[in-house]
């Protein structure tokens, strides 16, 4: 694998390597954050000094389906000991599904000093780098965040409907079986969450996993990504694009690829995704 800077990304600065993280474990200006699907991974061993941000407990409102508000984000930032000047590096399982999801939520509050560790937990483990069960304790901080701004990076169902009517670019990042309606969730997961199967009309099916190298979870170089998204699927980086999956985590991965690695001008993540669309009355569905 080539170095990150040699891969031709539009914004290589949003990625750091495992070597970079290993060299910054004692850097007080850097906070390492692990975000996983499997809640047992962090307590079983994590990068020394890393804190955990759980996608359900920390990033979502506990009652309504939405994300934490400004006060909640400030409390989270205080708990993990960061300020707006802290460089936050996310990593996790599933080739960084939840790391990119957490990164995306942090962008709703304007925390631009955020990075993804390329390859995530898989690459760190395969390189035999150290893990610990010791939970770090950082002094709480005072973090003044702006109000959450969903307008740039998040799409809601009415906006998606408008996008469909305007024949806008849509990327369904789920598996082909979910796209066709054969399944309501990917293979190996409970087949639940929606009353109808299929996809949003006009969407192209580009599974998120095509952007990652299976052997170590790293992102493919820009020329390989362009071959998939632009040349094979015909996406135009200059046109507004919406990505979706089932609940917004896999599409966060693709949102990250399109916006930061390929430099798409306007990409939003429809986090309502198929669990919302597949349960809505009267919306158009294709199979």
Protein backbone atom coordinates (compact mmCIF):
# COMPACT_ATOMS: atom_id res chain seq x y z
CA UNK A 1 0.00 0.00 0.00
CA UNK A 2 1.28 3.42 -0.98
CA UNK A 3 1.49 6.27 1.48
CA UNK A 4 -1.65 8.35 1.97
CA UNK A 5 -0.12 11.40 0.29
CA UNK A 6 0.73 9.37 -2.81
CA UNK A 7 -2.78 8.07 -3.44
CA UNK A 8 -4.11 11.16 -5.17
CA UNK A 9 -6.93 12.04 -2.77
CA UNK A 10 -8.62 15.43 -2.93
CA UNK A 11 -8.12 15.92 0.82
CA UNK A 12 -5.40 13.56 2.06
CA UNK A 13 -5.14 15.58 5.28
CA UNK A 14 -8.27 13.88 6.69
CA UNK A 15 -6.51 10.52 6.86
CA UNK A 16 -3.68 9.44 9.14
CA UNK A 17 -1.79 6.18 9.10
CA UNK A 18 -1.35 3.70 11.92
CA UNK A 19 2.31 4.77 12.02
CA UNK A 20 1.24 8.38 12.56
CA UNK A 21 -1.08 7.39 15.39
CA UNK A 22 1.63 5.26 17.02
CA UNK A 23 3.94 8.28 16.96
CA UNK A 24 1.32 10.58 18.55
CA UNK A 25 0.06 8.45 21.45
CA UNK A 26 1.50 10.93 23.95
CA UNK A 27 0.58 14.04 21.98
CA UNK A 28 -1.65 16.19 24.18
CA UNK A 29 -3.04 17.96 21.10
CA UNK A 30 -4.40 14.67 19.74
CA UNK A 31 -7.25 12.55 21.07
CA UNK A 32 -7.69 9.02 19.73
CA UNK A 33 -11.34 7.89 19.64
CA UNK A 34 -12.60 4.34 19.04
CA UNK A 35 -16.14 3.87 17.66
CA UNK A 36 -17.40 0.36 16.96
CA UNK A 37 -20.43 -1.67 16.09
CA UNK A 38 -19.36 -4.40 18.53
CA UNK A 39 -19.61 -2.95 22.07
CA UNK A 40 -17.27 -5.63 23.45
CA UNK A 41 -14.25 -4.59 21.40
CA UNK A 42 -13.19 -1.45 23.27
CA UNK A 43 -13.26 -3.04 26.76
CA UNK A 44 -11.41 -6.09 25.42
CA UNK A 45 -8.50 -3.94 24.24
CA UNK A 46 -8.00 -0.58 22.54
CA UNK A 47 -5.18 1.72 21.43
CA UNK A 48 -3.40 3.08 24.51
CA UNK A 49 -4.92 6.42 25.46
CA UNK A 50 -7.98 6.00 23.23
CA UNK A 51 -11.42 6.93 24.53
CA UNK A 52 -14.65 5.33 23.36
CA UNK A 53 -17.51 7.15 21.64
CA UNK A 54 -20.50 4.86 21.35
CA UNK A 55 -22.78 5.57 18.41
CA UNK A 56 -25.97 4.86 20.34
CA UNK A 57 -25.16 6.11 23.84
CA UNK A 58 -23.03 9.11 22.92
CA UNK A 59 -24.12 10.35 19.50
CA UNK A 60 -27.87 9.69 19.40
CA UNK A 61 -30.69 11.28 21.36
CA UNK A 62 -31.90 8.67 23.87
CA UNK A 63 -35.61 9.20 23.06
CA UNK A 64 -36.35 10.57 19.61
CA UNK A 65 -34.56 9.47 16.45
CA UNK A 66 -32.05 12.26 16.09
CA UNK A 67 -28.55 13.23 17.11
CA UNK A 68 -27.38 14.95 20.24
CA UNK A 69 -27.91 18.68 20.45
CA UNK A 70 -25.37 21.40 21.16
CA UNK A 71 -25.46 20.88 24.90
CA UNK A 72 -25.05 17.15 24.46
CA UNK A 73 -22.09 17.60 22.14
CA UNK A 74 -20.44 20.01 24.56
CA UNK A 75 -20.91 17.48 27.37
CA UNK A 76 -19.44 14.68 25.23
CA UNK A 77 -16.47 16.85 24.24
CA UNK A 78 -15.88 17.75 27.88
CA UNK A 79 -16.04 14.09 28.94
CA UNK A 80 -13.43 12.98 26.42
CA UNK A 81 -11.26 15.99 27.21
CA UNK A 82 -11.15 17.83 23.91
CA UNK A 83 -11.36 21.46 22.87
CA UNK A 84 -12.03 22.89 19.39
CA UNK A 85 -8.24 22.93 18.93
CA UNK A 86 -7.83 19.19 19.60
CA UNK A 87 -7.12 16.93 16.63
CA UNK A 88 -9.54 14.02 17.01
CA UNK A 89 -8.56 10.78 15.28
CA UNK A 90 -11.35 8.22 14.85
CA UNK A 91 -10.90 4.51 14.26
CA UNK A 92 -13.02 1.42 14.70
CA UNK A 93 -14.25 -1.93 13.43
CA UNK A 94 -15.99 -2.78 10.16
CA UNK A 95 -13.41 -0.90 8.08
CA UNK A 96 -14.26 2.29 9.98
CA UNK A 97 -18.05 2.31 9.47
CA UNK A 98 -18.69 3.84 12.88
CA UNK A 99 -15.52 5.88 12.85
CA UNK A 100 -16.70 7.70 9.73
CA UNK A 101 -20.19 7.93 11.27
CA UNK A 102 -18.76 9.63 14.39
CA UNK A 103 -16.56 11.82 12.17
CA UNK A 104 -19.71 12.82 10.24
CA UNK A 105 -21.62 13.73 13.42
CA UNK A 106 -18.66 15.82 14.63
CA UNK A 107 -18.84 17.76 11.34
CA UNK A 108 -22.44 18.71 12.14
CA UNK A 109 -20.93 20.68 15.03
CA UNK A 110 -18.08 22.09 12.99
CA UNK A 111 -15.22 20.14 14.59
CA UNK A 112 -13.01 20.19 11.52
CA UNK A 113 -9.88 19.07 13.34
CA UNK A 114 -10.94 15.48 12.76
CA UNK A 115 -9.14 12.58 11.08
CA UNK A 116 -9.72 8.92 10.26
CA UNK A 117 -7.04 6.32 10.97
CA UNK A 118 -6.74 4.49 7.66
CA UNK A 119 -7.50 0.79 8.05
CA UNK A 120 -9.07 1.24 11.47
CA UNK A 121 -8.88 -1.37 14.17
CA UNK A 122 -8.22 -4.22 11.73
CA UNK A 123 -4.98 -2.74 10.41
CA UNK A 124 -3.73 -1.77 13.88
CA UNK A 125 -4.29 -5.32 15.14
CA UNK A 126 -2.77 -7.02 12.10
CA UNK A 127 0.38 -4.95 12.51
CA UNK A 128 0.71 -6.29 16.04
CA UNK A 129 0.53 -2.86 17.61
CA UNK A 130 -0.21 -2.55 21.33
CA UNK A 131 -3.68 -2.71 22.85
CA UNK A 132 -4.69 -2.09 26.44
CA UNK A 133 -7.74 -2.56 28.65
CA UNK A 134 -6.83 0.46 30.74
CA UNK A 135 -9.34 3.26 30.30
CA UNK A 136 -7.67 6.67 30.19
CA UNK A 137 -8.91 9.56 32.32
CA UNK A 138 -8.58 13.07 30.94
CA UNK A 139 -9.42 16.30 32.73
CA UNK A 140 -12.83 17.59 31.60
CA UNK A 141 -12.72 20.57 29.30
CA UNK A 142 -14.99 23.48 28.53
CA UNK A 143 -16.07 23.19 24.88
CA UNK A 144 -18.29 25.88 23.36
CA UNK A 145 -19.89 24.36 20.27
CA UNK A 146 -22.09 26.06 17.69
CA UNK A 147 -25.65 24.89 17.20
CA UNK A 148 -25.78 21.72 15.14
CA UNK A 149 -25.90 22.54 11.42
CA UNK A 150 -27.45 19.74 9.36
CA UNK A 151 -27.70 21.75 6.16
CA UNK A 152 -24.40 20.83 4.52
CA UNK A 153 -23.97 17.14 5.22
CA UNK A 154 -27.35 15.68 6.22
CA UNK A 155 -30.44 14.95 4.11
CA UNK A 156 -34.00 14.47 5.37
CA UNK A 157 -36.79 12.51 3.70
CA UNK A 158 -38.55 15.51 2.11
CA UNK A 159 -35.24 16.66 0.69
CA UNK A 160 -34.65 13.16 -0.68
CA UNK A 161 -38.10 13.16 -2.28
CA UNK A 162 -37.30 16.50 -3.92
CA UNK A 163 -33.94 15.12 -5.00
CA UNK A 164 -35.66 12.10 -6.61
CA UNK A 165 -38.10 14.31 -8.50
CA UNK A 166 -35.18 16.38 -9.78
CA UNK A 167 -33.36 13.21 -10.92
CA UNK A 168 -30.47 13.95 -8.56
CA UNK A 169 -27.59 11.59 -7.92
CA UNK A 170 -28.37 8.93 -5.31
CA UNK A 171 -26.01 6.24 -4.08
CA UNK A 172 -27.42 3.18 -2.33
CA UNK A 173 -24.40 1.69 -0.55
CA UNK A 174 -26.15 -1.46 0.68
CA UNK A 175 -25.61 -4.98 -0.60
CA UNK A 176 -27.15 -6.01 -3.95
CA UNK A 177 -29.67 -8.24 -2.12
CA UNK A 178 -30.90 -5.26 -0.09
CA UNK A 179 -30.98 -3.07 -3.19
CA UNK A 180 -33.24 -5.50 -5.05
CA UNK A 181 -35.50 -6.03 -2.05
CA UNK A 182 -34.54 -9.66 -1.56
CA UNK A 183 -33.35 -8.78 1.94
CA UNK A 184 -34.12 -5.94 4.40
CA UNK A 185 -30.66 -6.09 5.99
CA UNK A 186 -27.32 -7.42 4.85
CA UNK A 187 -26.33 -11.06 5.07
CA UNK A 188 -25.68 -12.22 8.63
CA UNK A 189 -27.94 -9.66 10.30
CA UNK A 190 -31.60 -9.98 11.41
CA UNK A 191 -33.92 -9.30 8.48
CA UNK A 192 -35.73 -6.46 10.21
CA UNK A 193 -36.22 -2.73 10.18
CA UNK A 194 -38.53 -2.01 7.23
CA UNK A 195 -41.91 -3.14 5.94
CA UNK A 196 -40.91 -2.91 2.29
CA UNK A 197 -37.79 -3.88 0.39
CA UNK A 198 -36.18 -2.31 -2.66
CA UNK A 199 -34.46 1.00 -3.27
CA UNK A 200 -35.14 4.68 -3.86
CA UNK A 201 -35.89 5.30 -7.56
CA UNK A 202 -32.87 6.40 -9.55
CA UNK A 203 -30.30 5.21 -7.02
CA UNK A 204 -27.13 3.51 -8.16
CA UNK A 205 -26.09 0.49 -6.13
CA UNK A 206 -22.44 0.91 -5.13
CA UNK A 207 -21.79 -1.15 -1.99
CA UNK A 208 -19.63 0.76 0.50
CA UNK A 209 -17.13 -2.10 0.68
CA UNK A 210 -15.93 -1.47 -2.86
CA UNK A 211 -14.05 1.58 -1.56
CA UNK A 212 -11.99 -0.43 0.93
CA UNK A 213 -9.25 -3.02 0.66
CA UNK A 214 -10.61 -6.19 2.25
CA UNK A 215 -7.26 -7.36 3.58
CA UNK A 216 -6.64 -4.42 5.91
CA UNK A 217 -9.62 -2.05 5.68
CA UNK A 218 -7.65 0.81 4.12
CA UNK A 219 -9.17 3.04 1.48
CA UNK A 220 -8.37 2.32 -2.15
CA UNK A 221 -6.31 4.93 -4.00
CA UNK A 222 -8.08 7.74 -5.81
CA UNK A 223 -7.63 6.28 -9.30
CA UNK A 224 -9.31 3.03 -8.22
CA UNK A 225 -12.14 4.98 -6.56
CA UNK A 226 -12.64 7.14 -9.66
CA UNK A 227 -12.81 3.98 -11.76
CA UNK A 228 -15.73 2.78 -9.64
CA UNK A 229 -17.74 5.91 -8.87
CA UNK A 230 -17.07 8.05 -11.94
CA UNK A 231 -16.16 5.78 -14.84
CA UNK A 232 -18.22 2.68 -14.06
CA UNK A 233 -21.20 4.32 -12.34
CA UNK A 234 -21.14 7.68 -14.07
CA UNK A 235 -21.34 9.91 -11.01
CA UNK A 236 -20.51 13.57 -11.56
CA UNK A 237 -18.49 15.16 -8.70
CA UNK A 238 -19.99 18.56 -9.54
CA UNK A 239 -23.61 17.44 -8.98
CA UNK A 240 -25.35 17.25 -5.58
CA UNK A 241 -25.26 13.69 -4.29
CA UNK A 242 -27.09 11.85 -1.50
CA UNK A 243 -25.89 8.54 -0.05
CA UNK A 244 -27.97 6.18 2.05
CA UNK A 245 -27.96 2.67 3.51
CA UNK A 246 -30.13 1.24 6.32
CA UNK A 247 -29.49 3.65 9.22
CA UNK A 248 -26.72 5.88 7.92
CA UNK A 249 -23.52 4.24 9.10
CA UNK A 250 -22.39 2.48 5.91
CA UNK A 251 -23.36 5.57 3.93
CA UNK A 252 -21.17 7.67 6.25
CA UNK A 253 -18.26 5.63 4.89
CA UNK A 254 -19.27 6.42 1.30
CA UNK A 255 -20.01 10.07 2.21
CA UNK A 256 -16.43 10.30 3.49
CA UNK A 257 -15.05 8.72 0.30
CA UNK A 258 -16.99 10.98 -2.05
CA UNK A 259 -16.43 14.23 -0.15
CA UNK A 260 -12.87 13.94 1.08
CA UNK A 261 -11.14 11.36 -1.08
CA UNK A 262 -12.75 12.20 -4.43
CA UNK A 263 -13.63 15.84 -3.73
CA UNK A 264 -17.36 15.85 -4.59
CA UNK A 265 -18.72 19.36 -4.14
CA UNK A 266 -21.96 18.57 -2.34
CA UNK A 267 -22.58 15.23 -0.64
CA UNK A 268 -25.15 14.57 2.05
CA UNK A 269 -25.87 11.49 4.11
CA UNK A 270 -29.53 10.43 4.39
CA UNK A 271 -29.34 8.85 7.84
CA UNK A 272 -33.07 8.08 7.88
CA UNK A 273 -32.08 5.65 5.13
CA UNK A 274 -33.98 2.48 4.41
CA UNK A 275 -35.41 2.03 7.91
CA UNK A 276 -37.31 5.27 7.28
CA UNK A 277 -37.93 5.06 3.54
CA UNK A 278 -39.01 1.42 3.63
CA UNK A 279 -41.63 2.24 6.27
CA UNK A 280 -43.03 5.46 4.77
CA UNK A 281 -46.53 5.41 3.35
CA UNK A 282 -46.79 6.35 -0.28
CA UNK A 283 -43.17 7.05 -1.22
CA UNK A 284 -41.89 5.60 -4.51
CA UNK A 285 -39.86 2.37 -4.38
CA UNK A 286 -38.15 0.41 -7.10
CA UNK A 287 -37.04 -3.21 -7.08
